[in-house]
Protein backbone atom coordinates (compact mmCIF):
# COMPACT_ATOMS: atom_id res chain seq x y z
CA UNK A 1 182.23 75.77 63.59
CA UNK A 2 186.06 75.54 63.56
CA UNK A 3 187.09 78.45 61.41
CA UNK A 4 190.72 77.91 62.13
CA UNK A 5 190.63 74.91 59.84
CA UNK A 6 188.81 76.52 56.82
CA UNK A 7 190.60 76.08 53.82
CA UNK A 8 191.08 79.62 52.04
CA UNK A 9 190.45 78.14 48.49
CA UNK A 10 187.11 77.28 49.70
CA UNK A 11 186.42 80.66 51.38
CA UNK A 12 187.23 82.33 48.05
CA UNK A 13 184.97 80.31 46.17
CA UNK A 14 182.38 80.69 48.55
CA UNK A 15 182.76 84.56 48.59
CA UNK A 16 182.63 84.58 44.42
CA UNK A 17 179.44 82.38 44.78
CA UNK A 18 177.74 84.78 47.26
CA UNK A 19 178.49 87.73 45.29
CA UNK A 20 177.50 86.47 41.87
CA UNK A 21 174.69 84.30 43.07
CA UNK A 22 175.55 81.82 40.22
CA UNK A 23 177.40 78.22 40.17
CA UNK A 24 177.99 78.79 36.51
CA UNK A 25 179.64 82.52 36.96
CA UNK A 26 181.45 81.46 40.08
CA UNK A 27 183.09 78.60 37.77
CA UNK A 28 184.06 80.98 35.16
CA UNK A 29 185.66 83.58 37.45
CA UNK A 30 187.49 80.85 39.50
CA UNK A 31 188.38 78.89 36.33
CA UNK A 32 186.80 76.08 37.73
CA UNK A 33 183.94 73.53 36.87
CA UNK A 34 180.59 73.70 38.34
CA UNK A 35 180.95 70.13 40.04
CA UNK A 36 183.97 71.75 41.67
CA UNK A 37 182.27 75.02 42.85
CA UNK A 38 179.78 72.58 44.35
CA UNK A 39 182.50 70.54 45.92
CA UNK A 40 184.15 73.32 47.45
CA UNK A 41 180.90 74.54 49.04
CA UNK A 42 180.42 71.05 50.30
CA UNK A 43 183.52 70.90 52.11
CA UNK A 44 183.05 74.37 53.41
CA UNK A 45 179.81 73.45 54.78
CA UNK A 46 181.19 70.35 56.11
CA UNK A 47 183.84 72.07 58.11
CA UNK A 48 181.22 74.50 59.67
CA UNK A 49 178.82 71.62 60.36
CA UNK A 50 176.19 73.95 58.83
CA UNK A 51 174.03 74.60 55.82
CA UNK A 52 175.71 77.83 54.16
CA UNK A 53 173.18 78.40 51.26
CA UNK A 54 169.75 77.43 49.96
CA UNK A 55 169.56 76.66 46.16
CA UNK A 56 166.61 78.71 44.72
CA UNK A 57 166.29 77.62 41.07
CA UNK A 58 169.33 79.02 39.29
CA UNK A 59 170.36 81.24 42.27
CA UNK A 60 170.91 80.84 45.79
CA UNK A 61 169.90 82.54 49.23
CA UNK A 62 172.30 82.71 52.18
CA UNK A 63 171.40 81.02 55.55
CA UNK A 64 172.28 82.77 58.87
CA UNK A 65 175.15 80.87 59.19
CA UNK A 66 176.33 81.44 55.56
CA UNK A 67 176.06 85.24 56.31
CA UNK A 68 178.52 84.92 58.85
CA UNK A 69 180.96 82.64 57.28
CA UNK A 70 180.51 85.49 54.12
CA UNK A 71 181.40 88.33 56.67
CA UNK A 72 184.27 85.99 57.97
CA UNK A 73 185.66 85.54 54.71
CA UNK A 74 185.65 89.33 53.68
CA UNK A 75 187.39 90.18 56.76
CA UNK A 76 189.95 87.55 56.10
CA UNK A 77 190.57 88.94 52.58
CA UNK A 78 190.88 92.74 54.04
CA UNK A 79 193.43 91.65 56.44
CA UNK A 80 195.37 89.87 53.86
CA UNK A 81 195.10 93.05 51.61
CA UNK A 82 196.28 95.11 54.36
CA UNK A 83 199.18 92.73 54.90
CA UNK A 84 200.01 93.01 51.33
CA UNK A 85 199.82 96.85 51.64
CA UNK A 86 202.22 97.16 54.74
CA UNK A 87 204.53 95.07 52.92
CA UNK A 88 204.74 97.68 50.06
CA UNK A 89 204.86 100.73 52.39
CA UNK A 90 207.48 102.36 50.81
CA UNK A 91 206.95 101.32 47.08
CA UNK A 92 205.61 104.53 45.57
CA UNK A 93 203.85 102.61 42.54
CA UNK A 94 202.47 99.48 44.28
CA UNK A 95 199.68 98.69 46.49
CA UNK A 96 196.12 99.63 46.97
CA UNK A 97 194.92 103.10 47.56
CA UNK A 98 191.37 103.65 49.32
CA UNK A 99 190.52 107.15 48.66
CA UNK A 100 187.01 108.96 49.24
CA UNK A 101 185.28 111.87 47.85
CA UNK A 102 181.93 113.55 46.72
CA UNK A 103 180.32 112.29 43.78
CA UNK A 104 180.89 115.44 41.54
CA UNK A 105 184.63 115.34 42.52
CA UNK A 106 184.93 111.49 41.60
CA UNK A 107 183.50 112.59 38.09
CA UNK A 108 186.58 114.88 37.79
CA UNK A 109 189.40 112.70 39.35
CA UNK A 110 188.25 109.07 38.36
CA UNK A 111 189.82 109.54 35.02
CA UNK A 112 193.21 110.70 36.03
CA UNK A 113 193.22 107.98 38.80
CA UNK A 114 192.55 105.37 36.07
CA UNK A 115 195.36 106.67 33.95
CA UNK A 116 197.98 106.58 36.74
CA UNK A 117 196.82 102.99 37.30
CA UNK A 118 197.25 102.11 33.67
CA UNK A 119 200.68 103.82 33.97
CA UNK A 120 201.47 101.60 37.12
CA UNK A 121 199.15 98.35 37.15
CA UNK A 122 200.59 97.42 40.49
CA UNK A 123 198.67 100.41 41.94
CA UNK A 124 195.26 99.36 43.06
CA UNK A 125 192.79 102.49 43.13
CA UNK A 126 189.61 102.36 45.30
CA UNK A 127 187.58 105.21 44.87
CA UNK A 128 184.73 105.45 47.28
CA UNK A 129 181.98 107.91 46.61
CA UNK A 130 180.55 109.05 49.60
CA UNK A 131 179.00 112.00 51.77
CA UNK A 132 181.66 114.42 53.40
CA UNK A 133 180.61 113.23 57.02
CA UNK A 134 181.45 109.68 55.81
CA UNK A 135 184.71 110.61 54.68
CA UNK A 136 185.86 111.93 58.16
CA UNK A 137 184.25 108.99 59.80
CA UNK A 138 186.08 106.40 57.41
CA UNK A 139 189.43 108.22 58.44
CA UNK A 140 188.70 107.99 62.01
CA UNK A 141 187.79 103.99 61.69
CA UNK A 142 190.80 103.33 59.33
CA UNK A 143 188.66 102.22 56.22
CA UNK A 144 189.49 105.30 54.18
CA UNK A 145 193.31 106.34 53.74
CA UNK A 146 192.53 109.62 52.03
CA UNK A 147 189.66 111.95 51.97
CA UNK A 148 189.21 114.76 49.41
CA UNK A 149 186.64 117.37 51.05
CA UNK A 150 185.43 121.05 51.27
CA UNK A 151 185.01 120.72 55.04
CA UNK A 152 188.02 121.67 57.31
CA UNK A 153 186.92 120.36 60.74
CA UNK A 154 188.39 121.86 64.04
CA UNK A 155 189.44 118.57 65.38
CA UNK A 156 192.85 117.17 66.25
CA UNK A 157 192.32 113.76 64.64
CA UNK A 158 192.69 115.12 60.97
CA UNK A 159 195.48 116.65 58.99
CA UNK A 160 194.81 118.81 56.00
CA UNK A 161 196.66 119.60 52.95
CA UNK A 162 195.37 122.14 50.45
CA UNK A 163 194.32 120.54 47.45
CA UNK A 164 192.74 123.05 44.88
CA UNK A 165 189.25 124.42 44.59
CA UNK A 166 185.68 123.10 43.41
CA UNK A 167 184.03 125.89 41.08
CA UNK A 168 180.55 126.19 41.54
CA UNK A 169 177.59 127.45 39.05
CA UNK A 170 174.28 128.63 39.07
CA UNK A 171 172.56 126.35 36.47
CA UNK A 172 169.77 127.35 34.27
CA UNK A 173 167.59 126.10 31.26
CA UNK A 174 169.59 127.10 28.44
CA UNK A 175 166.27 128.53 26.65
CA UNK A 176 165.19 130.69 29.67
CA UNK A 177 165.20 134.30 28.54
CA UNK A 178 167.61 136.94 30.33
CA UNK A 179 165.14 139.57 31.17
CA UNK A 180 167.62 141.32 33.49
CA UNK A 181 166.07 140.35 36.51
CA UNK A 182 167.73 137.08 37.96
CA UNK A 183 165.27 136.75 41.28
CA UNK A 184 162.18 136.96 38.98
CA UNK A 185 163.79 134.22 36.64
CA UNK A 186 164.57 131.84 39.54
CA UNK A 187 161.39 132.64 41.18
CA UNK A 188 159.44 131.40 38.12
CA UNK A 189 161.47 128.20 37.64
CA UNK A 190 161.58 127.08 41.48
CA UNK A 191 164.62 124.88 42.85
CA UNK A 192 165.49 121.51 41.94
CA UNK A 193 166.90 120.53 45.37
CA UNK A 194 169.54 117.88 46.11
CA UNK A 195 171.33 117.07 49.37
CA UNK A 196 174.15 119.86 48.95
CA UNK A 197 171.65 122.44 47.13
CA UNK A 198 171.05 124.48 50.54
CA UNK A 199 175.05 124.76 51.23
CA UNK A 200 175.83 125.61 47.48
CA UNK A 201 172.93 128.28 47.12
CA UNK A 202 173.97 130.12 50.43
CA UNK A 203 177.78 129.80 49.41
CA UNK A 204 176.97 131.04 45.87
CA UNK A 205 174.75 133.97 46.64
CA UNK A 206 177.06 135.22 49.29
CA UNK A 207 179.81 135.44 46.96
CA UNK A 208 179.02 135.70 43.42
CA UNK A 209 179.01 139.66 43.59
CA UNK A 210 175.65 139.79 42.18
CA UNK A 211 173.86 142.58 44.48
CA UNK A 212 170.31 140.91 43.67
CA UNK A 213 171.52 137.35 44.50
CA UNK A 214 173.58 138.83 47.74
CA UNK A 215 170.71 140.47 49.19
CA UNK A 216 168.36 137.45 48.48
CA UNK A 217 167.43 134.63 51.23
CA UNK A 218 167.62 131.17 49.26
CA UNK A 219 165.03 129.81 51.28
CA UNK A 220 162.18 132.05 49.41
CA UNK A 221 162.29 129.88 46.34
CA UNK A 222 159.83 127.42 46.09
CA UNK A 223 160.97 123.52 45.33
CA UNK A 224 159.95 122.48 41.91
CA UNK A 225 161.67 119.19 42.31
CA UNK A 226 164.17 116.96 44.32
CA UNK A 227 166.61 114.17 43.51
CA UNK A 228 169.66 112.70 45.11
CA UNK A 229 171.40 110.86 42.03
CA UNK A 230 174.10 113.33 41.18
CA UNK A 231 173.91 112.42 37.41
CA UNK A 232 170.23 113.22 37.09
CA UNK A 233 170.02 116.77 39.03
CA UNK A 234 170.57 118.70 35.75
CA UNK A 235 167.99 116.74 33.57
CA UNK A 236 164.90 118.46 35.03
CA UNK A 237 166.86 122.08 34.64
CA UNK A 238 167.39 120.98 31.25
CA UNK A 239 163.85 120.40 30.63
CA UNK A 240 163.15 123.98 31.92
CA UNK A 241 161.50 122.66 35.32
CA UNK A 242 163.82 124.49 37.50
CA UNK A 243 167.28 125.80 38.66
CA UNK A 244 169.90 124.53 41.02
CA UNK A 245 173.65 125.31 41.98
CA UNK A 246 176.13 122.62 41.43
CA UNK A 247 180.14 121.92 41.04
CA UNK A 248 180.60 123.48 37.28
CA UNK A 249 182.38 120.26 36.41
CA UNK A 250 179.02 118.30 36.53
CA UNK A 251 177.70 120.14 33.47
CA UNK A 252 180.67 118.40 31.52
CA UNK A 253 179.72 115.17 32.11
CA UNK A 254 175.86 115.62 31.72
CA UNK A 255 174.88 114.09 28.35
CA UNK A 256 172.32 116.99 27.47
CA UNK A 257 174.78 119.90 28.41
CA UNK A 258 173.74 122.05 25.60
CA UNK A 259 170.40 122.37 27.20
CA UNK A 260 171.70 124.00 30.39
CA UNK A 261 173.68 127.21 30.81
CA UNK A 262 175.70 128.79 33.91
CA UNK A 263 174.83 132.05 35.15
CA UNK A 264 177.27 134.57 34.38
CA UNK A 265 177.62 136.53 37.69
CA UNK A 266 180.32 139.09 38.44
CA UNK A 267 182.67 136.73 40.71
CA UNK A 268 183.50 133.55 40.42
CA UNK A 269 182.51 131.17 43.35
CA UNK A 270 184.34 127.79 44.47
CA UNK A 271 185.06 125.91 47.52
CA UNK A 272 188.67 124.86 48.81
CA UNK A 273 189.52 121.33 48.63
CA UNK A 274 191.50 119.78 51.11
CA UNK A 275 193.23 116.13 51.21
CA UNK A 276 192.48 114.66 54.60
CA UNK A 277 194.19 112.13 56.44
CA UNK A 278 194.50 110.58 59.95
CA UNK A 279 196.84 113.05 61.85
CA UNK A 280 198.01 109.87 64.03
CA UNK A 281 198.82 107.70 60.79
CA UNK A 282 201.81 107.98 58.16
CA UNK A 283 200.44 106.95 54.80
CA UNK A 284 202.29 104.85 52.34
CA UNK A 285 204.57 106.32 49.85
CA UNK A 286 202.17 105.44 47.06
CA UNK A 287 199.76 108.16 48.26
CA UNK A 288 202.23 110.92 47.33
CA UNK A 289 202.24 109.55 43.94
CA UNK A 290 198.34 109.69 44.01
CA UNK A 291 198.30 113.27 45.57
CA UNK A 292 200.68 114.73 42.97
CA UNK A 293 198.53 113.50 40.09
CA UNK A 294 195.25 114.76 41.65
CA UNK A 295 196.95 118.26 42.28
CA UNK A 296 197.31 118.60 38.59
CA UNK A 297 193.49 118.23 38.17
CA UNK A 298 192.53 119.88 41.27
CA UNK A 299 194.45 123.01 40.98
CA UNK A 300 193.70 123.57 37.25
């Protein structure tokens, strides 16, 4: 397989075919005819001297050789994007921006990023929703340029800038009666677990200023459910099946928000947010544009 002689147009058609699984859809996306798509595939297979796809009715399945060519084509696209980005290094309103954050934070910032992109169409916003450990890993591997995290690792590889805060809230069913004994209430409900629940509980209990919660070990609460999909965590709470702690912004995006209430503790509790970048890499000017827009949201 002589990859150096592969026609980039054939590769682009092949990528579309793999990702849509449909000759018809590929033709529509590429503004081609279906026979034209088939012709590109045939020429690519001839150049590779390999069968790349197996047709299954209206769909396709990749061969092992097809998977290799697909990964090669994606790598070529990424190198091309990186080249174009580098050529626009000093352009404040053009180029691709790869940003990573948690799911809760994505709900807060994505509308602002889309507004920024609508104002400057040459900006291409790529927002990755990922766990915090993956943010630092991606920055280290140069697959993520700008992360937003509540963690501040004591490592020399990263640079931090204060970006704002993430308020937390103890979420309860709206119909639960306030009997003046929050511990008894939480015991009766049970905890709706999620990937960040333990961290949020400990942080909230320690800083909320409610003596009963400050003196309580979060581990004493039974688990009444668990889910790892952010948009669904408040669903069992709204049905009276448990309590949990989440960023307060998640309630604004929950469809049945009227059935959930936030516990009124003496003190508000929040986590600091940081812009995280590689200490050894200078970001393009467009990232300053992005950070300025996000600071208005994150510090609000």
